Amino acid sequence: MTRKNPVSSIRRGFEYQDIWDLYLCADWLKNPRKFKWIWFETVPNEVQDRDFHLDDILLCDAEDSYLLYQIKYKQDPSAGKWSWDDFLKQEKSKKGGLLLSLIQKWFKSYFKPALEGRIRTASFVTNGLAKDEISDFLNASFVQILGKTSRK
């Protein structure tokens, strides 16, 4: 009889993020002047309201710029591929009951006035696959919407 632990999928998500943590720490160890520090599951000191959603991995580079990583793990990467609906579906906020999608949360975080000019990159990292509606617009792992046409 196979018994599945109800928290095993959560732990696998943490393990996936831990792999990225270790990868970035190894990059820092190989290039010690590249970064000043790395934080996990936190927000930049400049953000006072704690309403920040690009918070899985935060790196500060040698020029005091931030590299932000948001990690999302899919239990079965080939099933349940990422769609625009996954990013645009509005969910209830923990504060104030506002309905915010992932894109809205990330947008608000990226454009915090306190961080103006400090963010060098913000990355969405996943083990999941993209549906054609997204993969049609991927160019070297970046979403490029302008100038592309969707496949039929």
N, C-alpha and C. Protein backbone atom coordinates (compact mmCIF):
# COMPACT_ATOMS: atom_id res chain seq x y z
N MET A 1 0.85 -1.18 0.00
CA MET A 1 0.00 0.00 0.00
C MET A 1 0.89 1.24 0.00
N THR A 2 0.63 2.14 -0.93
CA THR A 2 1.40 3.37 -1.01
C THR A 2 0.65 4.47 -0.26
N ARG A 3 1.34 5.10 0.64
CA ARG A 3 0.76 6.19 1.42
C ARG A 3 1.49 7.47 1.05
N LYS A 4 0.74 8.46 0.66
CA LYS A 4 1.35 9.75 0.32
C LYS A 4 1.21 10.69 1.50
N ASN A 5 2.32 11.25 1.90
CA ASN A 5 2.32 12.23 2.97
C ASN A 5 1.70 13.52 2.43
N PRO A 6 0.72 14.10 3.13
CA PRO A 6 0.06 15.30 2.61
C PRO A 6 0.96 16.53 2.48
N VAL A 7 2.11 16.54 3.13
CA VAL A 7 3.00 17.70 3.03
C VAL A 7 4.16 17.44 2.07
N SER A 8 4.19 16.27 1.43
CA SER A 8 5.33 15.95 0.56
C SER A 8 5.45 16.91 -0.61
N SER A 9 4.32 17.36 -1.16
CA SER A 9 4.41 18.30 -2.29
C SER A 9 4.96 19.65 -1.84
N ILE A 10 4.61 20.07 -0.64
CA ILE A 10 5.13 21.34 -0.11
C ILE A 10 6.64 21.21 0.09
N ARG A 11 7.07 20.09 0.66
CA ARG A 11 8.50 19.88 0.90
C ARG A 11 9.27 19.86 -0.42
N ARG A 12 8.70 19.24 -1.47
CA ARG A 12 9.38 19.22 -2.77
C ARG A 12 9.54 20.63 -3.31
N GLY A 13 8.55 21.48 -3.06
CA GLY A 13 8.68 22.88 -3.47
C GLY A 13 9.80 23.58 -2.74
N PHE A 14 9.92 23.33 -1.44
CA PHE A 14 11.02 23.90 -0.67
C PHE A 14 12.36 23.37 -1.17
N GLU A 15 12.42 22.06 -1.48
CA GLU A 15 13.66 21.48 -1.99
C GLU A 15 14.05 22.12 -3.31
N TYR A 16 13.07 22.38 -4.17
CA TYR A 16 13.35 23.02 -5.46
C TYR A 16 13.94 24.41 -5.23
N GLN A 17 13.35 25.17 -4.31
CA GLN A 17 13.88 26.49 -3.99
C GLN A 17 15.27 26.38 -3.37
N ASP A 18 15.48 25.39 -2.51
CA ASP A 18 16.79 25.19 -1.89
C ASP A 18 17.87 24.95 -2.95
N ILE A 19 17.52 24.22 -4.01
CA ILE A 19 18.48 23.99 -5.10
C ILE A 19 18.90 25.31 -5.72
N TRP A 20 17.94 26.20 -5.95
CA TRP A 20 18.27 27.53 -6.49
C TRP A 20 19.08 28.34 -5.50
N ASP A 21 18.75 28.24 -4.22
CA ASP A 21 19.53 28.93 -3.18
C ASP A 21 20.99 28.49 -3.27
N LEU A 22 21.20 27.18 -3.32
CA LEU A 22 22.57 26.64 -3.38
C LEU A 22 23.28 27.03 -4.67
N TYR A 23 22.55 27.01 -5.78
CA TYR A 23 23.14 27.40 -7.06
C TYR A 23 23.65 28.84 -7.01
N LEU A 24 22.84 29.74 -6.48
CA LEU A 24 23.25 31.15 -6.42
C LEU A 24 24.36 31.36 -5.39
N CYS A 25 24.33 30.62 -4.29
CA CYS A 25 25.43 30.71 -3.31
C CYS A 25 26.74 30.21 -3.92
N ALA A 26 26.65 29.14 -4.72
CA ALA A 26 27.86 28.62 -5.39
C ALA A 26 28.39 29.64 -6.38
N ASP A 27 27.50 30.32 -7.10
CA ASP A 27 27.92 31.37 -8.03
C ASP A 27 28.64 32.48 -7.27
N TRP A 28 28.13 32.84 -6.12
CA TRP A 28 28.75 33.88 -5.29
C TRP A 28 30.12 33.41 -4.80
N LEU A 29 30.23 32.15 -4.37
CA LEU A 29 31.52 31.63 -3.90
C LEU A 29 32.56 31.60 -5.02
N LYS A 30 32.12 31.31 -6.25
CA LYS A 30 33.05 31.30 -7.38
C LYS A 30 33.46 32.71 -7.78
N ASN A 31 32.58 33.69 -7.52
CA ASN A 31 32.82 35.09 -7.89
C ASN A 31 32.51 35.98 -6.68
N PRO A 32 33.37 35.97 -5.66
CA PRO A 32 33.05 36.65 -4.40
C PRO A 32 32.82 38.15 -4.52
N ARG A 33 33.32 38.77 -5.55
CA ARG A 33 33.11 40.22 -5.71
C ARG A 33 31.82 40.53 -6.46
N LYS A 34 31.15 39.51 -6.95
CA LYS A 34 29.94 39.69 -7.75
C LYS A 34 28.75 40.17 -6.90
N PHE A 35 28.65 39.63 -5.66
CA PHE A 35 27.52 39.96 -4.79
C PHE A 35 28.02 40.43 -3.42
N LYS A 36 27.20 41.24 -2.77
CA LYS A 36 27.49 41.68 -1.40
C LYS A 36 26.82 40.76 -0.39
N TRP A 37 25.59 40.35 -0.70
CA TRP A 37 24.86 39.47 0.21
C TRP A 37 23.72 38.79 -0.54
N ILE A 38 23.18 37.73 0.12
CA ILE A 38 22.02 37.00 -0.40
C ILE A 38 21.08 36.73 0.77
N TRP A 39 19.79 36.97 0.56
CA TRP A 39 18.78 36.73 1.59
C TRP A 39 17.71 35.81 0.99
N PHE A 40 17.04 35.09 1.87
CA PHE A 40 15.99 34.17 1.45
C PHE A 40 14.70 34.49 2.19
N GLU A 41 13.59 34.40 1.45
CA GLU A 41 12.26 34.61 2.05
C GLU A 41 12.19 35.92 2.84
N THR A 42 12.51 37.01 2.18
CA THR A 42 12.53 38.29 2.86
C THR A 42 12.21 39.42 1.89
N VAL A 43 12.20 40.61 2.37
CA VAL A 43 11.95 41.80 1.54
C VAL A 43 13.11 42.77 1.73
N PRO A 44 13.34 43.63 0.74
CA PRO A 44 14.40 44.64 0.90
C PRO A 44 14.12 45.56 2.09
N ASN A 45 15.17 46.03 2.73
CA ASN A 45 15.02 46.93 3.88
C ASN A 45 14.23 48.18 3.53
N GLU A 46 14.32 48.63 2.29
CA GLU A 46 13.63 49.86 1.88
C GLU A 46 12.12 49.72 1.88
N VAL A 47 11.62 48.51 1.79
CA VAL A 47 10.17 48.26 1.73
C VAL A 47 9.66 48.16 3.16
N GLN A 48 8.86 49.13 3.56
CA GLN A 48 8.37 49.20 4.93
C GLN A 48 7.01 48.55 5.14
N ASP A 49 6.20 48.43 4.08
CA ASP A 49 4.84 47.94 4.26
C ASP A 49 4.72 46.42 4.22
N ARG A 50 5.81 45.72 3.96
CA ARG A 50 5.86 44.25 3.91
C ARG A 50 4.97 43.66 2.81
N ASP A 51 4.43 44.50 1.95
CA ASP A 51 3.61 44.05 0.82
C ASP A 51 4.54 43.88 -0.38
N PHE A 52 5.25 42.78 -0.40
CA PHE A 52 6.28 42.54 -1.40
C PHE A 52 6.21 41.08 -1.81
N HIS A 53 6.14 40.82 -3.12
CA HIS A 53 5.87 39.47 -3.59
C HIS A 53 6.95 38.90 -4.51
N LEU A 54 8.11 39.51 -4.53
CA LEU A 54 9.28 38.97 -5.25
C LEU A 54 10.33 38.64 -4.20
N ASP A 55 9.97 37.74 -3.30
CA ASP A 55 10.69 37.62 -2.04
C ASP A 55 11.35 36.28 -1.76
N ASP A 56 11.40 35.38 -2.72
CA ASP A 56 11.99 34.07 -2.43
C ASP A 56 13.51 34.15 -2.28
N ILE A 57 14.17 34.79 -3.22
CA ILE A 57 15.62 34.98 -3.14
C ILE A 57 15.92 36.43 -3.52
N LEU A 58 16.69 37.10 -2.70
CA LEU A 58 17.06 38.49 -2.91
C LEU A 58 18.58 38.59 -2.85
N LEU A 59 19.19 39.01 -3.95
CA LEU A 59 20.64 39.19 -4.01
C LEU A 59 20.95 40.67 -4.16
N CYS A 60 22.02 41.10 -3.54
CA CYS A 60 22.52 42.46 -3.74
C CYS A 60 23.87 42.33 -4.43
N ASP A 61 24.01 42.94 -5.61
CA ASP A 61 25.26 42.81 -6.35
C ASP A 61 26.27 43.87 -5.90
N ALA A 62 27.43 43.85 -6.52
CA ALA A 62 28.52 44.75 -6.13
C ALA A 62 28.17 46.22 -6.35
N GLU A 63 27.18 46.50 -7.22
CA GLU A 63 26.77 47.89 -7.49
C GLU A 63 25.55 48.30 -6.66
N ASP A 64 25.21 47.52 -5.64
CA ASP A 64 24.05 47.77 -4.79
C ASP A 64 22.72 47.65 -5.51
N SER A 65 22.69 46.89 -6.59
CA SER A 65 21.44 46.60 -7.29
C SER A 65 20.91 45.27 -6.81
N TYR A 66 19.58 45.11 -6.91
CA TYR A 66 18.95 43.87 -6.48
C TYR A 66 18.65 42.96 -7.66
N LEU A 67 18.82 41.67 -7.40
CA LEU A 67 18.39 40.61 -8.31
C LEU A 67 17.35 39.82 -7.53
N LEU A 68 16.13 39.80 -8.03
CA LEU A 68 15.02 39.18 -7.32
C LEU A 68 14.61 37.89 -8.04
N TYR A 69 14.35 36.86 -7.26
CA TYR A 69 13.93 35.57 -7.82
C TYR A 69 12.66 35.12 -7.13
N GLN A 70 11.64 34.86 -7.93
CA GLN A 70 10.40 34.28 -7.42
C GLN A 70 10.33 32.85 -7.93
N ILE A 71 10.32 31.90 -7.02
CA ILE A 71 10.38 30.48 -7.36
C ILE A 71 8.99 29.87 -7.25
N LYS A 72 8.58 29.15 -8.29
CA LYS A 72 7.29 28.45 -8.28
C LYS A 72 7.52 27.02 -8.74
N TYR A 73 7.14 26.08 -7.90
CA TYR A 73 7.33 24.65 -8.17
C TYR A 73 6.02 24.03 -8.62
N LYS A 74 6.08 23.20 -9.65
CA LYS A 74 4.93 22.43 -10.12
C LYS A 74 5.15 20.97 -9.72
N GLN A 75 4.18 20.38 -9.06
CA GLN A 75 4.29 18.98 -8.63
C GLN A 75 4.53 18.07 -9.83
N ASP A 76 3.79 18.28 -10.90
CA ASP A 76 3.98 17.51 -12.14
C ASP A 76 4.22 18.53 -13.25
N PRO A 77 5.49 18.76 -13.61
CA PRO A 77 5.81 19.83 -14.56
C PRO A 77 5.15 19.70 -15.92
N SER A 78 4.85 18.48 -16.38
CA SER A 78 4.26 18.34 -17.72
C SER A 78 2.74 18.46 -17.69
N ALA A 79 2.12 18.18 -16.56
CA ALA A 79 0.68 18.36 -16.42
C ALA A 79 0.44 19.72 -15.78
N GLY A 80 -0.64 20.33 -16.08
CA GLY A 80 -0.93 21.63 -15.48
C GLY A 80 0.08 22.68 -15.88
N LYS A 81 0.37 22.74 -17.17
CA LYS A 81 1.34 23.72 -17.67
C LYS A 81 0.90 25.14 -17.33
N TRP A 82 1.87 26.03 -17.23
CA TRP A 82 1.59 27.44 -16.94
C TRP A 82 0.80 28.06 -18.09
N SER A 83 -0.24 28.79 -17.76
CA SER A 83 -1.05 29.50 -18.75
C SER A 83 -1.14 30.96 -18.33
N TRP A 84 -1.61 31.80 -19.24
CA TRP A 84 -1.81 33.20 -18.88
C TRP A 84 -2.81 33.31 -17.73
N ASP A 85 -3.80 32.41 -17.71
CA ASP A 85 -4.78 32.44 -16.62
C ASP A 85 -4.11 32.25 -15.26
N ASP A 86 -3.08 31.40 -15.19
CA ASP A 86 -2.37 31.21 -13.93
C ASP A 86 -1.77 32.52 -13.41
N PHE A 87 -1.32 33.34 -14.31
CA PHE A 87 -0.68 34.60 -13.93
C PHE A 87 -1.68 35.74 -13.75
N LEU A 88 -2.81 35.64 -14.43
CA LEU A 88 -3.77 36.75 -14.44
C LEU A 88 -4.98 36.53 -13.54
N LYS A 89 -5.17 35.30 -13.05
CA LYS A 89 -6.30 35.01 -12.16
C LYS A 89 -6.14 35.80 -10.87
N GLN A 90 -7.18 36.53 -10.54
CA GLN A 90 -7.11 37.35 -9.34
C GLN A 90 -7.46 36.53 -8.10
N GLU A 91 -6.65 36.72 -7.06
CA GLU A 91 -6.85 36.02 -5.80
C GLU A 91 -7.04 37.04 -4.69
N LYS A 92 -7.69 36.63 -3.63
CA LYS A 92 -7.90 37.54 -2.51
C LYS A 92 -6.60 37.84 -1.81
N SER A 93 -6.39 39.11 -1.53
CA SER A 93 -5.22 39.56 -0.80
C SER A 93 -5.39 39.25 0.68
N LYS A 94 -4.28 39.03 1.36
CA LYS A 94 -4.32 38.81 2.81
C LYS A 94 -4.73 40.09 3.54
N LYS A 95 -4.47 41.22 2.89
CA LYS A 95 -4.80 42.51 3.50
C LYS A 95 -5.88 43.19 2.66
N GLY A 96 -6.90 43.66 3.29
CA GLY A 96 -7.88 44.50 2.63
C GLY A 96 -8.81 43.82 1.64
N GLY A 97 -8.66 42.54 1.41
CA GLY A 97 -9.57 41.83 0.53
C GLY A 97 -9.46 42.19 -0.95
N LEU A 98 -8.41 42.92 -1.34
CA LEU A 98 -8.26 43.26 -2.75
C LEU A 98 -7.98 42.01 -3.56
N LEU A 99 -8.48 41.99 -4.78
CA LEU A 99 -8.22 40.87 -5.66
C LEU A 99 -7.00 41.18 -6.51
N LEU A 100 -5.95 40.39 -6.34
CA LEU A 100 -4.71 40.62 -7.08
C LEU A 100 -4.24 39.34 -7.74
N SER A 101 -3.81 39.44 -8.98
CA SER A 101 -3.22 38.30 -9.67
C SER A 101 -1.73 38.25 -9.35
N LEU A 102 -1.07 37.16 -9.75
CA LEU A 102 0.38 37.08 -9.56
C LEU A 102 1.08 38.23 -10.28
N ILE A 103 0.66 38.49 -11.52
CA ILE A 103 1.28 39.59 -12.29
C ILE A 103 1.09 40.92 -11.57
N GLN A 104 -0.09 41.17 -11.04
CA GLN A 104 -0.33 42.42 -10.31
C GLN A 104 0.54 42.52 -9.06
N LYS A 105 0.64 41.42 -8.32
CA LYS A 105 1.48 41.42 -7.11
C LYS A 105 2.94 41.68 -7.47
N TRP A 106 3.43 41.01 -8.52
CA TRP A 106 4.82 41.20 -8.92
C TRP A 106 5.05 42.60 -9.45
N PHE A 107 4.09 43.13 -10.22
CA PHE A 107 4.20 44.49 -10.76
C PHE A 107 4.30 45.50 -9.62
N LYS A 108 3.40 45.38 -8.65
CA LYS A 108 3.43 46.30 -7.49
C LYS A 108 4.75 46.20 -6.73
N SER A 109 5.28 45.01 -6.62
CA SER A 109 6.54 44.82 -5.91
C SER A 109 7.71 45.41 -6.69
N TYR A 110 7.74 45.15 -7.98
CA TYR A 110 8.83 45.62 -8.83
C TYR A 110 8.89 47.15 -8.88
N PHE A 111 7.73 47.78 -8.89
CA PHE A 111 7.68 49.24 -9.03
C PHE A 111 7.45 49.97 -7.70
N LYS A 112 7.88 49.38 -6.61
CA LYS A 112 7.82 50.09 -5.32
C LYS A 112 8.68 51.35 -5.42
N PRO A 113 8.12 52.51 -5.07
CA PRO A 113 8.91 53.75 -5.14
C PRO A 113 10.22 53.68 -4.35
N ALA A 114 10.22 52.98 -3.23
CA ALA A 114 11.44 52.89 -2.41
C ALA A 114 12.55 52.12 -3.12
N LEU A 115 12.21 51.35 -4.16
CA LEU A 115 13.21 50.54 -4.87
C LEU A 115 13.57 51.11 -6.24
N GLU A 116 13.08 52.30 -6.54
CA GLU A 116 13.31 52.88 -7.86
C GLU A 116 14.81 52.92 -8.19
N GLY A 117 15.17 52.32 -9.31
CA GLY A 117 16.55 52.30 -9.77
C GLY A 117 17.42 51.25 -9.09
N ARG A 118 16.88 50.47 -8.16
CA ARG A 118 17.68 49.48 -7.42
C ARG A 118 17.57 48.07 -7.99
N ILE A 119 16.52 47.76 -8.73
CA ILE A 119 16.31 46.40 -9.22
C ILE A 119 16.97 46.22 -10.58
N ARG A 120 17.96 45.32 -10.63
CA ARG A 120 18.63 45.02 -11.90
C ARG A 120 17.83 43.99 -12.68
N THR A 121 17.36 42.95 -12.00
CA THR A 121 16.53 41.94 -12.64
C THR A 121 15.53 41.38 -11.65
N ALA A 122 14.43 40.90 -12.20
CA ALA A 122 13.44 40.15 -11.43
C ALA A 122 13.10 38.93 -12.29
N SER A 123 13.25 37.75 -11.70
CA SER A 123 13.09 36.51 -12.47
C SER A 123 12.04 35.61 -11.86
N PHE A 124 11.25 35.02 -12.74
CA PHE A 124 10.31 33.97 -12.37
C PHE A 124 10.99 32.65 -12.72
N VAL A 125 11.19 31.79 -11.73
CA VAL A 125 11.89 30.52 -11.93
C VAL A 125 10.93 29.39 -11.60
N THR A 126 10.83 28.43 -12.52
CA THR A 126 9.91 27.31 -12.31
C THR A 126 10.47 26.04 -12.93
N ASN A 127 10.03 24.93 -12.41
CA ASN A 127 10.30 23.64 -13.04
C ASN A 127 9.18 23.30 -14.02
N GLY A 128 8.12 24.09 -14.01
CA GLY A 128 6.96 23.83 -14.84
C GLY A 128 7.18 24.20 -16.30
N LEU A 129 6.32 23.69 -17.12
CA LEU A 129 6.35 23.97 -18.55
C LEU A 129 5.28 24.99 -18.88
N ALA A 130 5.45 25.65 -20.00
CA ALA A 130 4.48 26.66 -20.44
C ALA A 130 3.58 26.10 -21.52
N LYS A 131 2.31 26.49 -21.47
CA LYS A 131 1.40 26.18 -22.56
C LYS A 131 1.84 26.97 -23.79
N ASP A 132 1.37 26.55 -24.97
CA ASP A 132 1.73 27.24 -26.21
C ASP A 132 1.41 28.73 -26.15
N GLU A 133 0.33 29.08 -25.47
CA GLU A 133 -0.06 30.50 -25.39
C GLU A 133 1.02 31.35 -24.74
N ILE A 134 1.91 30.74 -23.98
CA ILE A 134 3.04 31.46 -23.40
C ILE A 134 4.32 31.12 -24.16
N SER A 135 4.56 29.84 -24.43
CA SER A 135 5.82 29.45 -25.08
C SER A 135 5.98 30.08 -26.46
N ASP A 136 4.88 30.41 -27.13
CA ASP A 136 4.96 31.11 -28.41
C ASP A 136 5.66 32.46 -28.28
N PHE A 137 5.66 33.00 -27.09
CA PHE A 137 6.23 34.32 -26.87
C PHE A 137 7.53 34.30 -26.09
N LEU A 138 8.08 33.11 -25.88
CA LEU A 138 9.36 33.00 -25.17
C LEU A 138 10.50 33.18 -26.16
N ASN A 139 11.42 34.02 -25.79
CA ASN A 139 12.61 34.27 -26.59
C ASN A 139 13.79 34.23 -25.63
N ALA A 140 14.58 33.17 -25.70
CA ALA A 140 15.73 32.99 -24.79
C ALA A 140 15.28 33.07 -23.33
N SER A 141 14.16 32.43 -23.03
CA SER A 141 13.59 32.36 -21.69
C SER A 141 12.95 33.66 -21.21
N PHE A 142 12.85 34.64 -22.06
CA PHE A 142 12.17 35.89 -21.72
C PHE A 142 10.86 35.96 -22.49
N VAL A 143 9.83 36.53 -21.89
CA VAL A 143 8.57 36.72 -22.59
C VAL A 143 8.69 37.97 -23.45
N GLN A 144 8.48 37.78 -24.75
CA GLN A 144 8.55 38.89 -25.69
C GLN A 144 7.22 38.94 -26.43
N ILE A 145 6.36 39.87 -26.03
CA ILE A 145 5.01 39.91 -26.57
C ILE A 145 4.95 40.73 -27.86
N LEU A 146 5.62 41.85 -27.92
CA LEU A 146 5.56 42.70 -29.11
C LEU A 146 6.26 42.04 -30.29
N GLY A 147 5.64 42.10 -31.44
CA GLY A 147 6.26 41.61 -32.65
C GLY A 147 6.16 40.11 -32.85
N LYS A 148 5.42 39.41 -32.03
CA LYS A 148 5.25 37.96 -32.17
C LYS A 148 3.80 37.67 -32.52
N THR A 149 3.61 36.57 -33.19
CA THR A 149 2.25 36.11 -33.45
C THR A 149 2.08 34.73 -32.88
N SER A 150 0.92 34.44 -32.40
CA SER A 150 0.64 33.14 -31.79
C SER A 150 0.49 32.08 -32.86
N ARG A 151 0.93 30.83 -32.54
CA ARG A 151 0.69 29.75 -33.49
C ARG A 151 -0.77 29.36 -33.45
N LYS A 152 -1.22 28.85 -34.56
CA LYS A 152 -2.62 28.44 -34.67
C LYS A 152 -2.73 26.96 -34.49
